[in-house]
C-alpha cells in the first residue's frame, strides 16, 4: 500500500488544515486474496478510529490527535482525529488486478525458459510488482499465464518509454520458438 497523492484544505499559513486526503494504491502480491486485503485494511481503520488516540506516538507535547476540552473550536468541528476509508471501485474491479505468480512447472514456462536460453544464451527469471488486468482471473480459469517483456527495463514506464528494433527481433525469435516447442508437446 503506497500513498501517491496528498491533498490538504487550503487555508492561511498559520492554520492547521482541518482535513487531509491521502490517496494511493495497493499492489497485491501473489498468494493474497483481494477480499482478505480489503477486510484487513478496513479492520485497521476501525481499530485506529476505536482506540484511545492519545496512546499513539506523537512528535512532542503539542502534537495531538485529540483536542483538549479547553481548546476553542468552531461549531460542529471535530475534536478528535478520524480516518475515513473510501475504496475507489468495487471488489470485482479490484480482482481484475490481483497479484499473480506464474506456474514455473508448466509446459508454457518450460518452453519460455528454453526459448530464451536458445535466443539469449542465458535465462534470468525475476519478479517485479505491478498490475496487469485480468491475468490472475485467466490463471484461475485454467490458462497457463507466463509474463515476459522484451523492452528496456531502464525506461520501463518512463515518460519516453521505448524499445529497440533489435530487441523486438529477439522477441520475435523467442515467441516463434515458444510456439514450435509447445506444438511439439501437444503432438
C-alpha atoms as a PDB file:
ATOM      1  CA  UNK A   1       0.000   0.000   0.000  1.00  0.00           C
ATOM      2  CA  UNK A   2       1.565   3.251  -1.024  1.00  0.00           C
ATOM      3  CA  UNK A   3       0.350   6.837  -0.780  1.00  0.00           C
ATOM      4  CA  UNK A   4       0.812   8.580  -4.124  1.00  0.00           C
ATOM      5  CA  UNK A   5      -1.180  11.816  -3.677  1.00  0.00           C
ATOM      6  CA  UNK A   6      -1.775  14.086  -0.674  1.00  0.00           C
ATOM      7  CA  UNK A   7      -4.262  16.961  -0.656  1.00  0.00           C
ATOM      8  CA  UNK A   8      -4.975  19.445   2.125  1.00  0.00           C
ATOM      9  CA  UNK A   9      -7.708  22.012   2.532  1.00  0.00           C
ATOM     10  CA  UNK A  10      -6.246  25.395   1.620  1.00  0.00           C
ATOM     11  CA  UNK A  11      -6.030  27.890   4.482  1.00  0.00           C
ATOM     12  CA  UNK A  12      -3.712  30.539   5.842  1.00  0.00           C
ATOM     13  CA  UNK A  13      -0.086  29.650   6.538  1.00  0.00           C
ATOM     14  CA  UNK A  14      -0.582  29.696  10.306  1.00  0.00           C
ATOM     15  CA  UNK A  15      -3.647  27.436  10.226  1.00  0.00           C
ATOM     16  CA  UNK A  16      -3.593  23.686  10.667  1.00  0.00           C
ATOM     17  CA  UNK A  17      -5.710  22.249   7.889  1.00  0.00           C
ATOM     18  CA  UNK A  18      -8.938  20.654   9.099  1.00  0.00           C
ATOM     19  CA  UNK A  19      -8.622  17.635   6.838  1.00  0.00           C
ATOM     20  CA  UNK A  20      -6.130  15.868   4.609  1.00  0.00           C
ATOM     21  CA  UNK A  21      -6.851  13.362   1.872  1.00  0.00           C
ATOM     22  CA  UNK A  22      -4.243  10.690   1.195  1.00  0.00           C
ATOM     23  CA  UNK A  23      -4.792   8.652  -1.973  1.00  0.00           C
ATOM     24  CA  UNK A  24      -2.820   5.706  -3.220  1.00  0.00           C
ATOM     25  CA  UNK A  25      -2.947   2.160  -4.419  1.00  0.00           C
ATOM     26  CA  UNK A  26      -2.229  -1.347  -3.282  1.00  0.00           C
ATOM     27  CA  UNK A  27      -0.073  -3.688  -5.321  1.00  0.00           C
ATOM     28  CA  UNK A  28      -1.288  -7.024  -4.011  1.00  0.00           C
ATOM     29  CA  UNK A  29       1.393  -9.706  -4.019  1.00  0.00           C
ATOM     30  CA  UNK A  30       0.589 -13.176  -5.257  1.00  0.00           C
ATOM     31  CA  UNK A  31      -0.890 -15.616  -2.747  1.00  0.00           C
ATOM     32  CA  UNK A  32      -3.116 -12.940  -1.157  1.00  0.00           C
ATOM     33  CA  UNK A  33      -6.789 -12.566  -1.956  1.00  0.00           C
ATOM     34  CA  UNK A  34      -8.328  -9.160  -2.662  1.00  0.00           C
ATOM     35  CA  UNK A  35     -11.182  -9.692  -0.202  1.00  0.00           C
ATOM     36  CA  UNK A  36      -8.765 -10.601   2.616  1.00  0.00           C
ATOM     37  CA  UNK A  37      -6.680  -7.472   1.985  1.00  0.00           C
ATOM     38  CA  UNK A  38      -9.769  -5.240   1.930  1.00  0.00           C
ATOM     39  CA  UNK A  39     -11.079  -6.787   5.148  1.00  0.00           C
ATOM     40  CA  UNK A  40      -7.706  -6.365   6.886  1.00  0.00           C
ATOM     41  CA  UNK A  41      -7.360  -2.706   5.870  1.00  0.00           C
ATOM     42  CA  UNK A  42     -10.931  -1.913   6.905  1.00  0.00           C
ATOM     43  CA  UNK A  43     -10.141  -3.595  10.248  1.00  0.00           C
ATOM     44  CA  UNK A  44      -7.012  -1.451  10.731  1.00  0.00           C
ATOM     45  CA  UNK A  45      -9.013   1.721  10.071  1.00  0.00           C
ATOM     46  CA  UNK A  46     -11.725   0.632  12.524  1.00  0.00           C
ATOM     47  CA  UNK A  47      -9.111  -0.221  15.167  1.00  0.00           C
ATOM     48  CA  UNK A  48      -7.482   3.215  14.827  1.00  0.00           C
ATOM     49  CA  UNK A  49     -10.829   5.022  14.999  1.00  0.00           C
ATOM     50  CA  UNK A  50     -11.967   2.973  18.031  1.00  0.00           C
ATOM     51  CA  UNK A  51      -8.768   3.249  20.046  1.00  0.00           C
ATOM     52  CA  UNK A  52      -7.652   5.891  22.506  1.00  0.00           C
ATOM     53  CA  UNK A  53      -5.765   8.154  20.088  1.00  0.00           C
ATOM     54  CA  UNK A  54      -3.727   9.633  22.934  1.00  0.00           C
ATOM     55  CA  UNK A  55      -1.887   6.289  23.069  1.00  0.00           C
ATOM     56  CA  UNK A  56      -0.416   6.847  19.581  1.00  0.00           C
ATOM     57  CA  UNK A  57       3.130   8.242  19.389  1.00  0.00           C
ATOM     58  CA  UNK A  58       3.397  11.950  18.567  1.00  0.00           C
ATOM     59  CA  UNK A  59       6.132  14.450  17.718  1.00  0.00           C
ATOM     60  CA  UNK A  60       6.047  16.199  21.080  1.00  0.00           C
ATOM     61  CA  UNK A  61       3.619  17.586  23.641  1.00  0.00           C
ATOM     62  CA  UNK A  62       1.905  19.892  21.122  1.00  0.00           C
ATOM     63  CA  UNK A  63       1.410  17.192  18.516  1.00  0.00           C
ATOM     64  CA  UNK A  64      -2.005  15.668  19.200  1.00  0.00           C
ATOM     65  CA  UNK A  65      -4.804  13.661  17.623  1.00  0.00           C
ATOM     66  CA  UNK A  66      -7.342  14.806  20.248  1.00  0.00           C
ATOM     67  CA  UNK A  67      -8.029  18.426  21.254  1.00  0.00           C
ATOM     68  CA  UNK A  68      -8.492  19.071  24.978  1.00  0.00           C
ATOM     69  CA  UNK A  69     -11.838  20.447  26.190  1.00  0.00           C
ATOM     70  CA  UNK A  70     -10.293  23.861  26.881  1.00  0.00           C
ATOM     71  CA  UNK A  71      -9.300  24.338  23.219  1.00  0.00           C
ATOM     72  CA  UNK A  72     -11.789  26.553  21.366  1.00  0.00           C
ATOM     73  CA  UNK A  73     -13.181  25.056  18.183  1.00  0.00           C
ATOM     74  CA  UNK A  74     -15.752  26.097  15.628  1.00  0.00           C
ATOM     75  CA  UNK A  75     -19.281  24.678  15.899  1.00  0.00           C
ATOM     76  CA  UNK A  76     -19.500  21.115  14.504  1.00  0.00           C
ATOM     77  CA  UNK A  77     -15.695  20.901  14.276  1.00  0.00           C
ATOM     78  CA  UNK A  78     -14.213  17.546  15.250  1.00  0.00           C
ATOM     79  CA  UNK A  79     -12.166  17.433  18.440  1.00  0.00           C
ATOM     80  CA  UNK A  80     -10.727  14.012  17.645  1.00  0.00           C
ATOM     81  CA  UNK A  81      -8.797  12.721  14.637  1.00  0.00           C
ATOM     82  CA  UNK A  82     -10.746  10.428  12.345  1.00  0.00           C
ATOM     83  CA  UNK A  83      -9.719   8.146   9.498  1.00  0.00           C
ATOM     84  CA  UNK A  84     -12.236   7.640   6.718  1.00  0.00           C
ATOM     85  CA  UNK A  85     -11.566   4.978   4.098  1.00  0.00           C
ATOM     86  CA  UNK A  86     -13.126   5.193   0.640  1.00  0.00           C
ATOM     87  CA  UNK A  87     -12.396   2.493  -1.905  1.00  0.00           C
ATOM     88  CA  UNK A  88     -12.138   3.861  -5.448  1.00  0.00           C
ATOM     89  CA  UNK A  89     -14.017   0.991  -7.065  1.00  0.00           C
ATOM     90  CA  UNK A  90     -15.630  -2.307  -6.149  1.00  0.00           C
ATOM     91  CA  UNK A  91     -14.214  -5.697  -5.217  1.00  0.00           C
ATOM     92  CA  UNK A  92     -14.896  -7.178  -8.663  1.00  0.00           C
ATOM     93  CA  UNK A  93     -12.882  -4.372 -10.291  1.00  0.00           C
ATOM     94  CA  UNK A  94     -10.029  -4.863  -7.823  1.00  0.00           C
ATOM     95  CA  UNK A  95      -9.925  -8.595  -8.585  1.00  0.00           C
ATOM     96  CA  UNK A  96      -9.032  -7.748 -12.181  1.00  0.00           C
ATOM     97  CA  UNK A  97      -5.650  -6.509 -10.885  1.00  0.00           C
ATOM     98  CA  UNK A  98      -4.900  -9.275  -8.337  1.00  0.00           C
ATOM     99  CA  UNK A  99      -1.288 -10.339  -7.871  1.00  0.00           C
ATOM    100  CA  UNK A 100      -0.061 -13.341  -9.826  1.00  0.00           C
ATOM    101  CA  UNK A 101       2.803 -15.806  -9.670  1.00  0.00           C
ATOM    102  CA  UNK A 102       3.433 -17.889 -12.758  1.00  0.00           C
ATOM    103  CA  UNK A 103       3.485 -21.685 -12.630  1.00  0.00           C
ATOM    104  CA  UNK A 104       7.152 -22.478 -13.140  1.00  0.00           C
ATOM    105  CA  UNK A 105       6.373 -26.196 -13.587  1.00  0.00           C
ATOM    106  CA  UNK A 106       4.069 -25.714 -16.578  1.00  0.00           C
ATOM    107  CA  UNK A 107       4.835 -26.575 -20.188  1.00  0.00           C
ATOM    108  CA  UNK A 108       4.468 -22.891 -21.082  1.00  0.00           C
ATOM    109  CA  UNK A 109       7.108 -21.841 -18.564  1.00  0.00           C
ATOM    110  CA  UNK A 110       9.491 -24.596 -19.679  1.00  0.00           C
ATOM    111  CA  UNK A 111       9.052 -23.512 -23.316  1.00  0.00           C
ATOM    112  CA  UNK A 112       9.605 -19.828 -22.414  1.00  0.00           C
ATOM    113  CA  UNK A 113      12.796 -20.632 -20.492  1.00  0.00           C
ATOM    114  CA  UNK A 114      14.154 -22.844 -23.282  1.00  0.00           C
ATOM    115  CA  UNK A 115      13.288 -20.287 -25.986  1.00  0.00           C
ATOM    116  CA  UNK A 116      15.018 -17.504 -24.043  1.00  0.00           C
ATOM    117  CA  UNK A 117      18.056 -19.696 -23.394  1.00  0.00           C
ATOM    118  CA  UNK A 118      18.342 -20.514 -27.100  1.00  0.00           C
ATOM    119  CA  UNK A 119      17.892 -16.859 -28.142  1.00  0.00           C
ATOM    120  CA  UNK A 120      19.877 -15.048 -25.446  1.00  0.00           C
ATOM    121  CA  UNK A 121      22.264 -17.849 -24.310  1.00  0.00           C
ATOM    122  CA  UNK A 122      21.067 -17.334 -20.712  1.00  0.00           C
ATOM    123  CA  UNK A 123      17.919 -17.035 -18.651  1.00  0.00           C
ATOM    124  CA  UNK A 124      17.421 -14.866 -15.570  1.00  0.00           C
ATOM    125  CA  UNK A 125      13.825 -15.139 -14.345  1.00  0.00           C
ATOM    126  CA  UNK A 126      12.884 -12.320 -11.976  1.00  0.00           C
ATOM    127  CA  UNK A 127       9.845 -10.718 -10.475  1.00  0.00           C
ATOM    128  CA  UNK A 128       8.515  -7.181 -10.354  1.00  0.00           C
ATOM    129  CA  UNK A 129       5.355  -5.858  -8.816  1.00  0.00           C
ATOM    130  CA  UNK A 130       2.819  -4.111 -10.921  1.00  0.00           C
ATOM    131  CA  UNK A 131      -0.700  -4.557 -12.105  1.00  0.00           C
ATOM    132  CA  UNK A 132      -1.973  -6.227 -15.222  1.00  0.00           C
ATOM    133  CA  UNK A 133      -5.722  -6.516 -15.618  1.00  0.00           C
ATOM    134  CA  UNK A 134      -7.300  -9.945 -15.979  1.00  0.00           C
ATOM    135  CA  UNK A 135      -4.194 -12.169 -15.757  1.00  0.00           C
ATOM    136  CA  UNK A 136      -4.943 -13.655 -12.316  1.00  0.00           C
ATOM    137  CA  UNK A 137      -8.553 -14.245 -13.347  1.00  0.00           C
ATOM    138  CA  UNK A 138      -7.393 -16.013 -16.512  1.00  0.00           C
ATOM    139  CA  UNK A 139      -4.963 -18.136 -14.497  1.00  0.00           C
ATOM    140  CA  UNK A 140      -7.781 -19.172 -12.132  1.00  0.00           C
ATOM    141  CA  UNK A 141      -9.779 -20.213 -15.215  1.00  0.00           C
ATOM    142  CA  UNK A 142      -7.002 -22.653 -16.166  1.00  0.00           C
ATOM    143  CA  UNK A 143      -4.875 -20.626 -18.578  1.00  0.00           C
ATOM    144  CA  UNK A 144      -1.107 -21.117 -18.316  1.00  0.00           C
ATOM    145  CA  UNK A 145      -0.126 -17.485 -17.812  1.00  0.00           C
ATOM    146  CA  UNK A 146       3.524 -16.568 -18.357  1.00  0.00           C
ATOM    147  CA  UNK A 147       4.599 -12.926 -18.284  1.00  0.00           C
ATOM    148  CA  UNK A 148       7.633 -11.564 -20.054  1.00  0.00           C
ATOM    149  CA  UNK A 149       8.810  -8.337 -21.579  1.00  0.00           C
ATOM    150  CA  UNK A 150      11.327  -7.568 -24.272  1.00  0.00           C
ATOM    151  CA  UNK A 151      11.799  -3.830 -23.831  1.00  0.00           C
ATOM    152  CA  UNK A 152      14.414  -1.876 -21.913  1.00  0.00           C
ATOM    153  CA  UNK A 153      13.966  -2.077 -18.147  1.00  0.00           C
ATOM    154  CA  UNK A 154      15.793   1.268 -17.729  1.00  0.00           C
ATOM    155  CA  UNK A 155      12.929   3.143 -19.431  1.00  0.00           C
ATOM    156  CA  UNK A 156      10.062   0.911 -18.300  1.00  0.00           C
ATOM    157  CA  UNK A 157       7.038   3.169 -17.586  1.00  0.00           C
ATOM    158  CA  UNK A 158       9.175   6.231 -18.211  1.00  0.00           C
ATOM    159  CA  UNK A 159       7.868   9.382 -19.852  1.00  0.00           C
ATOM    160  CA  UNK A 160       9.588   8.397 -23.097  1.00  0.00           C
ATOM    161  CA  UNK A 161       9.361   4.616 -22.832  1.00  0.00           C
ATOM    162  CA  UNK A 162      10.696   2.909 -25.938  1.00  0.00           C
ATOM    163  CA  UNK A 163      12.179  -0.344 -27.239  1.00  0.00           C
ATOM    164  CA  UNK A 164      14.742  -1.120 -29.904  1.00  0.00           C
ATOM    165  CA  UNK A 165      14.200  -2.915 -33.202  1.00  0.00           C
ATOM    166  CA  UNK A 166      16.936  -5.387 -32.226  1.00  0.00           C
ATOM    167  CA  UNK A 167      15.068  -6.254 -29.005  1.00  0.00           C
ATOM    168  CA  UNK A 168      11.845  -6.776 -30.942  1.00  0.00           C
ATOM    169  CA  UNK A 169      13.617  -9.059 -33.445  1.00  0.00           C
ATOM    170  CA  UNK A 170      14.867 -11.144 -30.499  1.00  0.00           C
ATOM    171  CA  UNK A 171      11.339 -11.119 -29.030  1.00  0.00           C
ATOM    172  CA  UNK A 172      10.002 -12.468 -32.331  1.00  0.00           C
ATOM    173  CA  UNK A 173      12.577 -15.285 -32.210  1.00  0.00           C
ATOM    174  CA  UNK A 174      11.560 -16.161 -28.649  1.00  0.00           C
ATOM    175  CA  UNK A 175       7.834 -16.156 -29.398  1.00  0.00           C
ATOM    176  CA  UNK A 176       8.262 -18.191 -32.581  1.00  0.00           C
ATOM    177  CA  UNK A 177      10.379 -20.751 -30.705  1.00  0.00           C
ATOM    178  CA  UNK A 178       7.782 -20.980 -27.888  1.00  0.00           C
ATOM    179  CA  UNK A 179       5.095 -21.821 -30.451  1.00  0.00           C
ATOM    180  CA  UNK A 180       7.303 -24.516 -32.001  1.00  0.00           C
ATOM    181  CA  UNK A 181       8.147 -26.040 -28.612  1.00  0.00           C
ATOM    182  CA  UNK A 182       4.521 -26.090 -27.489  1.00  0.00           C
ATOM    183  CA  UNK A 183       3.346 -27.574 -30.776  1.00  0.00           C
ATOM    184  CA  UNK A 184       5.866 -30.394 -30.279  1.00  0.00           C
ATOM    185  CA  UNK A 185       4.455 -31.059 -26.785  1.00  0.00           C
ATOM    186  CA  UNK A 186       0.845 -31.270 -27.999  1.00  0.00           C
ATOM    187  CA  UNK A 187       1.599 -33.528 -30.995  1.00  0.00           C
END
